[in-house]
Amino acid sequence: MSTANIKKLAHLKLVGENGNAFAILARARGALKETGREDWQEIWTRFNAEATSGDYDHLLRTCMEWFECDSEDADDFDRIFPNKEEA
């Protein structure tokens, strides 16, 4: 399964929620489980491995790749974590 397919079926709210990495991972797991897919645990395993393979910024970027996030999430992410070359 590609991440594009997951993005269409699971929504993950990032803005206005607890920003702790473990809280984000818990919401992501819950969102996948709520899809009712039989393979949600397999998808979770792949997502979790990727999301936790880097730093906090990597976790957020992975969430935005794999999930449908609020439209303001990407704008807020770029505002909060500007490109280091631009900062």
Protein backbone atom coordinates (compact mmCIF):
# COMPACT_ATOMS: atom_id res chain seq x y z
CA MET A 1 0.00 0.00 0.00
CA SER A 2 1.30 3.44 -0.86
CA THR A 3 1.12 6.42 1.48
CA ALA A 4 -1.18 8.13 -1.03
CA ASN A 5 -3.87 5.54 -0.29
CA ILE A 6 -3.51 6.03 3.46
CA LYS A 7 -3.72 9.81 3.10
CA LYS A 8 -7.17 9.50 1.57
CA LEU A 9 -8.63 7.43 4.38
CA ALA A 10 -7.14 8.74 7.63
CA HIS A 11 -7.26 12.25 9.06
CA LEU A 12 -4.79 13.40 11.69
CA LYS A 13 -5.17 16.69 13.53
CA LEU A 14 -1.86 18.31 14.42
CA VAL A 15 -2.78 21.94 15.03
CA GLY A 16 -4.18 22.76 18.45
CA GLU A 17 -3.37 19.34 19.90
CA ASN A 18 -0.71 18.06 22.29
CA GLY A 19 2.55 18.32 20.35
CA ASN A 20 4.37 15.66 22.36
CA ALA A 21 5.81 13.08 19.95
CA PHE A 22 4.22 10.19 21.85
CA ALA A 23 0.82 11.92 21.80
CA ILE A 24 1.12 12.46 18.04
CA LEU A 25 2.00 8.81 17.52
CA ALA A 26 -0.94 7.73 19.67
CA ARG A 27 -3.35 9.89 17.63
CA ALA A 28 -1.89 8.50 14.40
CA ARG A 29 -2.38 4.94 15.63
CA GLY A 30 -5.95 5.74 16.65
CA ALA A 31 -6.69 7.32 13.27
CA LEU A 32 -5.46 4.22 11.46
CA LYS A 33 -7.43 1.91 13.74
CA GLU A 34 -10.60 3.94 13.21
CA THR A 35 -10.42 3.36 9.45
CA GLY A 36 -11.67 -0.17 10.10
CA ARG A 37 -9.13 -1.61 7.69
CA GLU A 38 -8.09 -5.18 8.38
CA ASP A 39 -4.47 -4.29 7.62
CA TRP A 40 -4.30 -1.20 9.87
CA GLN A 41 -1.73 -2.83 12.16
CA GLU A 42 0.59 -3.59 9.25
CA ILE A 43 0.26 0.01 8.05
CA TRP A 44 0.88 1.25 11.60
CA THR A 45 4.06 -0.81 11.86
CA ARG A 46 5.43 0.68 8.64
CA PHE A 47 4.36 4.22 9.56
CA ASN A 48 5.77 3.99 13.08
CA ALA A 49 9.12 2.70 11.81
CA GLU A 50 9.41 5.60 9.37
CA ALA A 51 8.07 8.29 11.73
CA THR A 52 10.45 7.33 14.54
CA SER A 53 13.54 6.99 12.34
CA GLY A 54 14.51 10.63 12.74
CA ASP A 55 14.00 13.71 14.87
CA TYR A 56 10.80 15.53 15.83
CA ASP A 57 10.72 17.46 12.55
CA HIS A 58 10.94 14.15 10.69
CA LEU A 59 8.00 12.82 12.72
CA LEU A 60 5.85 15.80 11.73
CA ARG A 61 6.84 15.61 8.08
CA THR A 62 6.10 11.88 8.02
CA CYS A 63 2.67 12.53 9.53
CA MET A 64 1.95 15.07 6.81
CA GLU A 65 3.04 12.59 4.12
CA TRP A 66 0.99 9.66 5.39
CA PHE A 67 -2.13 11.40 6.69
CA GLU A 68 -4.62 13.99 5.59
CA CYS A 69 -3.82 16.82 7.99
CA ASP A 70 -5.66 20.09 8.51
CA SER A 71 -4.86 22.44 5.64
CA GLU A 72 -3.25 24.91 8.02
CA ASP A 73 -0.83 22.26 9.32
CA ALA A 74 1.67 22.63 6.49
CA ASP A 75 1.62 26.42 6.69
CA ASP A 76 2.07 26.31 10.46
CA PHE A 77 4.89 23.78 10.17
CA ASP A 78 6.80 25.97 7.72
CA ARG A 79 6.22 29.01 9.94
CA ILE A 80 7.30 27.24 13.12
CA PHE A 81 10.19 25.33 11.53
CA PRO A 82 11.50 27.63 8.77
CA ASN A 83 14.10 26.34 6.37
CA LYS A 84 17.41 26.75 8.18
CA GLU A 85 18.91 28.42 5.12
CA GLU A 86 16.19 31.08 5.17
CA ALA A 87 16.31 31.64 8.95
